[in-house]
């Protein structure tokens, strides 16, 4: 028989007036989903998405940077974070003002991270805001174990620090999101929900990830659905191991960006006298290699244009010029424009 509940909502655990009582709180109602009509929606004054690192990183962006191990993606991610924190330029990008950055490192030993950051700091003229660049790293945690971003508990621990940031850098997914199989889309859903929650609160997320043997990001492709920008780093064909961090930087996905804003770059990290310098030049060959990959994958001409940001005429001219100097076996043949819906 169930114990009685008095008029104040207390449970009589022994069924007597003198028994100790435990409060049974009412269950909180689930939050209501909001829907609006078109006229009201168009009248909403959404805050502008202010740039953090022009042209590709704005507030409320969700971005992924991925590459094969040892290519230099952590060096680049740290430099991106520090450029945002100090309102500085990096490559052909620029930060219009100082913002607060949280760098969550799941992999590097503390001393290595410290050495890299000392080089990066010495290479920039400006400094962050007070506590404007925060570092969350394994060697500062008990037993060297970082919170698991795949769990509600791990997200809660991270959020104690992330809630004060404008940009959250997660380096890297394989180390910090330890749940389920990497190639299953379901294991990505808790992390996606976490990222969307921060985006709704005005923050940006930069995920750093590994590529697989096929050159694509490891795991399920559904990750890209929510991402605004996807950047990949590729080894140049003529690369030598002695050259260190040198790569082609390509924008695989770039929502609302086209043309020069997402043009591939040839990038090299140089070190001299306790300072580092990022050198870059346009990477036309990288564009051609990407076009060849897309053609091999069966992409339409429209899809190739959207991927590269090139107009129909610019793409045609680039391929024609390249084919005059390339061996016959390496020439690129674009798909029929009528099948690709050329614009």
Foldseek 3Di string as FASTA:
>chain_A
DAADADPVQWGQPVNDPPGDTDHDDDDDDDDDDDDDDPVVVVVDDDPDFDAQKPPFHTWLAEEEEEEAPQQCPVLVVLLSQFQSQFQAHDAPITGNHHWAEEEEAQDDDPVVVVLSVQQSVVADDGGGDVNRYHYHFQVVDVVSAQQAQLDPVNLVVVCVPVVRGQEYEAHECVRRHPDDDQADPVSCVSNVVSSNVVSVVGHYYYHYAYCDPVGHTTYHPCVCVRHQWYKYWACDPPDDVVQRNWTKIAIQHHHPDADPRGFIKTWGWDDDDSHIDIDIDGDLVVLVVVLQVCVVVVAAPLSNCNRRRDAPVRVVVSLVVVQVPDPPVSRDDHPDCVVRVHD
